[in-house]
Amino acid sequence: MEELKNKLNAIAKKEMEYADKNGSTTLSTCNYSGWDMDVWNHKSAIIKKIRESGYNVSVSVSWGVTDILITKPITL
């Protein structure tokens, strides 16, 4: 279980780093072969971790693919 937590934390950290560098990033996941089932099964935990870190997160679903848009927080 600890290995899974480390994997999911690493995914969240990587996506936040991309958002910091580029302003935003999208993490896509799906429940089909060839996709990472750990990301699919625990996408809510990944989203929670990113939101708790202060990033804006929106989720959309199209054709069975869940797209998670992560935006770098800015202060106006």
N, C-alpha and C. Protein backbone atom coordinates (compact mmCIF):
# COMPACT_ATOMS: atom_id res chain seq x y z
N MET A 1 0.82 -1.19 0.00
CA MET A 1 0.00 0.00 0.00
C MET A 1 0.87 1.26 0.00
N GLU A 2 1.99 1.19 0.70
CA GLU A 2 2.90 2.35 0.74
C GLU A 2 3.46 2.64 -0.65
N GLU A 3 3.74 1.60 -1.42
CA GLU A 3 4.25 1.78 -2.78
C GLU A 3 3.21 2.51 -3.64
N LEU A 4 1.95 2.14 -3.49
CA LEU A 4 0.87 2.79 -4.23
C LEU A 4 0.75 4.26 -3.84
N LYS A 5 0.81 4.55 -2.54
CA LYS A 5 0.75 5.94 -2.08
C LYS A 5 1.89 6.75 -2.67
N ASN A 6 3.09 6.19 -2.67
CA ASN A 6 4.25 6.88 -3.24
C ASN A 6 4.05 7.16 -4.72
N LYS A 7 3.52 6.17 -5.43
CA LYS A 7 3.27 6.32 -6.87
C LYS A 7 2.26 7.45 -7.13
N LEU A 8 1.16 7.46 -6.38
CA LEU A 8 0.12 8.46 -6.58
C LEU A 8 0.62 9.86 -6.18
N ASN A 9 1.38 9.95 -5.11
CA ASN A 9 1.97 11.23 -4.71
C ASN A 9 2.93 11.74 -5.77
N ALA A 10 3.70 10.84 -6.37
CA ALA A 10 4.64 11.23 -7.43
C ALA A 10 3.89 11.76 -8.65
N ILE A 11 2.77 11.13 -8.99
CA ILE A 11 1.96 11.59 -10.13
C ILE A 11 1.41 12.98 -9.84
N ALA A 12 0.87 13.18 -8.64
CA ALA A 12 0.33 14.49 -8.26
C ALA A 12 1.43 15.54 -8.30
N LYS A 13 2.60 15.23 -7.76
CA LYS A 13 3.72 16.17 -7.74
C LYS A 13 4.16 16.53 -9.15
N LYS A 14 4.25 15.54 -10.03
CA LYS A 14 4.65 15.78 -11.42
C LYS A 14 3.66 16.71 -12.12
N GLU A 15 2.38 16.47 -11.92
CA GLU A 15 1.36 17.31 -12.56
C GLU A 15 1.42 18.74 -12.02
N MET A 16 1.64 18.91 -10.72
CA MET A 16 1.76 20.25 -10.15
C MET A 16 2.99 20.96 -10.69
N GLU A 17 4.09 20.23 -10.89
CA GLU A 17 5.30 20.83 -11.47
C GLU A 17 5.04 21.29 -12.90
N TYR A 18 4.31 20.48 -13.69
CA TYR A 18 3.94 20.88 -15.05
C TYR A 18 3.09 22.15 -15.02
N ALA A 19 2.12 22.21 -14.10
CA ALA A 19 1.26 23.39 -13.99
C ALA A 19 2.08 24.62 -13.60
N ASP A 20 3.04 24.45 -12.70
CA ASP A 20 3.91 25.57 -12.32
C ASP A 20 4.69 26.09 -13.52
N LYS A 21 5.19 25.18 -14.32
CA LYS A 21 6.03 25.55 -15.46
C LYS A 21 5.21 26.14 -16.61
N ASN A 22 4.05 25.55 -16.89
CA ASN A 22 3.28 25.91 -18.08
C ASN A 22 1.99 26.68 -17.81
N GLY A 23 1.64 26.87 -16.56
CA GLY A 23 0.39 27.56 -16.22
C GLY A 23 -0.76 26.60 -15.99
N SER A 24 -0.77 25.51 -16.75
CA SER A 24 -1.80 24.47 -16.56
C SER A 24 -1.33 23.17 -17.19
N THR A 25 -2.02 22.11 -16.84
CA THR A 25 -1.73 20.80 -17.41
C THR A 25 -3.00 19.96 -17.32
N THR A 26 -3.06 18.91 -18.11
CA THR A 26 -4.20 18.00 -18.08
C THR A 26 -3.72 16.58 -17.85
N LEU A 27 -4.33 15.94 -16.88
CA LEU A 27 -4.09 14.52 -16.60
C LEU A 27 -5.32 13.77 -17.09
N SER A 28 -5.14 12.88 -18.04
CA SER A 28 -6.26 12.10 -18.57
C SER A 28 -6.15 10.67 -18.10
N THR A 29 -7.30 10.09 -17.79
CA THR A 29 -7.34 8.71 -17.34
C THR A 29 -8.60 8.04 -17.84
N CYS A 30 -8.54 6.73 -17.97
CA CYS A 30 -9.66 5.98 -18.51
C CYS A 30 -9.63 4.56 -17.98
N ASN A 31 -10.77 3.91 -17.97
CA ASN A 31 -10.90 2.55 -17.46
C ASN A 31 -10.84 1.54 -18.62
N TYR A 32 -9.79 1.62 -19.42
CA TYR A 32 -9.58 0.70 -20.53
C TYR A 32 -8.17 0.14 -20.47
N SER A 33 -7.95 -0.97 -21.15
CA SER A 33 -6.61 -1.56 -21.14
C SER A 33 -5.61 -0.59 -21.76
N GLY A 34 -4.43 -0.60 -21.23
CA GLY A 34 -3.40 0.32 -21.70
C GLY A 34 -3.31 1.58 -20.87
N TRP A 35 -4.33 1.85 -20.06
CA TRP A 35 -4.34 3.00 -19.17
C TRP A 35 -3.90 2.54 -17.79
N ASP A 36 -3.37 3.44 -17.00
CA ASP A 36 -2.91 3.11 -15.65
C ASP A 36 -4.13 2.96 -14.72
N MET A 37 -4.42 1.74 -14.32
CA MET A 37 -5.58 1.48 -13.48
C MET A 37 -5.45 2.08 -12.09
N ASP A 38 -4.24 2.23 -11.59
CA ASP A 38 -4.05 2.87 -10.28
C ASP A 38 -4.51 4.33 -10.34
N VAL A 39 -4.17 5.01 -11.42
CA VAL A 39 -4.59 6.40 -11.58
C VAL A 39 -6.12 6.45 -11.69
N TRP A 40 -6.70 5.55 -12.47
CA TRP A 40 -8.16 5.52 -12.63
C TRP A 40 -8.85 5.24 -11.29
N ASN A 41 -8.40 4.23 -10.59
CA ASN A 41 -9.06 3.83 -9.35
C ASN A 41 -8.91 4.86 -8.23
N HIS A 42 -7.85 5.64 -8.27
CA HIS A 42 -7.56 6.58 -7.18
C HIS A 42 -7.52 8.03 -7.66
N LYS A 43 -8.22 8.32 -8.76
CA LYS A 43 -8.19 9.68 -9.31
C LYS A 43 -8.73 10.70 -8.31
N SER A 44 -9.70 10.31 -7.49
CA SER A 44 -10.25 11.23 -6.48
C SER A 44 -9.19 11.62 -5.45
N ALA A 45 -8.36 10.68 -5.05
CA ALA A 45 -7.29 10.97 -4.09
C ALA A 45 -6.25 11.90 -4.71
N ILE A 46 -5.94 11.69 -5.99
CA ILE A 46 -4.98 12.56 -6.68
C ILE A 46 -5.54 13.97 -6.77
N ILE A 47 -6.81 14.09 -7.14
CA ILE A 47 -7.46 15.40 -7.24
C ILE A 47 -7.46 16.10 -5.89
N LYS A 48 -7.80 15.36 -4.84
CA LYS A 48 -7.83 15.93 -3.49
C LYS A 48 -6.45 16.46 -3.10
N LYS A 49 -5.41 15.69 -3.36
CA LYS A 49 -4.04 16.10 -3.03
C LYS A 49 -3.67 17.39 -3.76
N ILE A 50 -4.01 17.48 -5.04
CA ILE A 50 -3.67 18.66 -5.84
C ILE A 50 -4.45 19.87 -5.36
N ARG A 51 -5.75 19.70 -5.09
CA ARG A 51 -6.57 20.81 -4.58
C ARG A 51 -6.06 21.29 -3.23
N GLU A 52 -5.71 20.36 -2.35
CA GLU A 52 -5.21 20.73 -1.02
C GLU A 52 -3.88 21.48 -1.11
N SER A 53 -3.17 21.33 -2.22
CA SER A 53 -1.91 22.04 -2.44
C SER A 53 -2.15 23.43 -3.01
N GLY A 54 -3.42 23.80 -3.21
CA GLY A 54 -3.76 25.15 -3.65
C GLY A 54 -3.99 25.33 -5.13
N TYR A 55 -4.00 24.27 -5.90
CA TYR A 55 -4.20 24.37 -7.34
C TYR A 55 -5.69 24.33 -7.67
N ASN A 56 -6.04 24.97 -8.77
CA ASN A 56 -7.41 24.90 -9.27
C ASN A 56 -7.55 23.63 -10.09
N VAL A 57 -8.62 22.89 -9.86
CA VAL A 57 -8.83 21.63 -10.55
C VAL A 57 -10.26 21.59 -11.10
N SER A 58 -10.40 21.25 -12.37
CA SER A 58 -11.72 21.00 -12.94
C SER A 58 -11.66 19.65 -13.66
N VAL A 59 -12.79 18.98 -13.66
CA VAL A 59 -12.86 17.62 -14.20
C VAL A 59 -13.96 17.56 -15.26
N SER A 60 -13.65 16.93 -16.37
CA SER A 60 -14.66 16.69 -17.40
C SER A 60 -14.51 15.26 -17.91
N VAL A 61 -15.61 14.73 -18.44
CA VAL A 61 -15.60 13.37 -18.96
C VAL A 61 -16.16 13.40 -20.37
N SER A 62 -15.45 12.78 -21.29
CA SER A 62 -15.90 12.67 -22.67
C SER A 62 -15.49 11.32 -23.23
N TRP A 63 -16.45 10.60 -23.76
CA TRP A 63 -16.20 9.29 -24.36
C TRP A 63 -15.50 8.34 -23.39
N GLY A 64 -15.82 8.43 -22.12
CA GLY A 64 -15.24 7.52 -21.13
C GLY A 64 -13.88 7.93 -20.61
N VAL A 65 -13.34 9.03 -21.12
CA VAL A 65 -12.04 9.51 -20.65
C VAL A 65 -12.27 10.66 -19.68
N THR A 66 -11.68 10.58 -18.51
CA THR A 66 -11.75 11.65 -17.53
C THR A 66 -10.53 12.55 -17.70
N ASP A 67 -10.79 13.82 -17.98
CA ASP A 67 -9.72 14.82 -18.12
C ASP A 67 -9.72 15.70 -16.88
N ILE A 68 -8.58 15.78 -16.24
CA ILE A 68 -8.42 16.58 -15.03
C ILE A 68 -7.52 17.76 -15.39
N LEU A 69 -8.10 18.96 -15.41
CA LEU A 69 -7.36 20.18 -15.74
C LEU A 69 -6.85 20.79 -14.45
N ILE A 70 -5.55 20.96 -14.36
CA ILE A 70 -4.88 21.51 -13.18
C ILE A 70 -4.29 22.85 -13.59
N THR A 71 -4.68 23.89 -12.85
CA THR A 71 -4.24 25.24 -13.18
C THR A 71 -3.44 25.81 -12.02
N LYS A 72 -2.35 26.44 -12.36
CA LYS A 72 -1.50 27.08 -11.35
C LYS A 72 -2.27 28.23 -10.71
N PRO A 73 -2.24 28.29 -9.38
CA PRO A 73 -2.94 29.40 -8.72
C PRO A 73 -2.21 30.72 -8.94
N ILE A 74 -2.99 31.78 -9.15
CA ILE A 74 -2.40 33.11 -9.28
C ILE A 74 -3.17 34.08 -8.38
N THR A 75 -2.51 35.12 -7.99
CA THR A 75 -3.14 36.15 -7.18
C THR A 75 -3.19 37.42 -8.01
N LEU A 76 -4.38 37.99 -8.09
CA LEU A 76 -4.55 39.22 -8.86
C LEU A 76 -4.54 40.42 -7.94
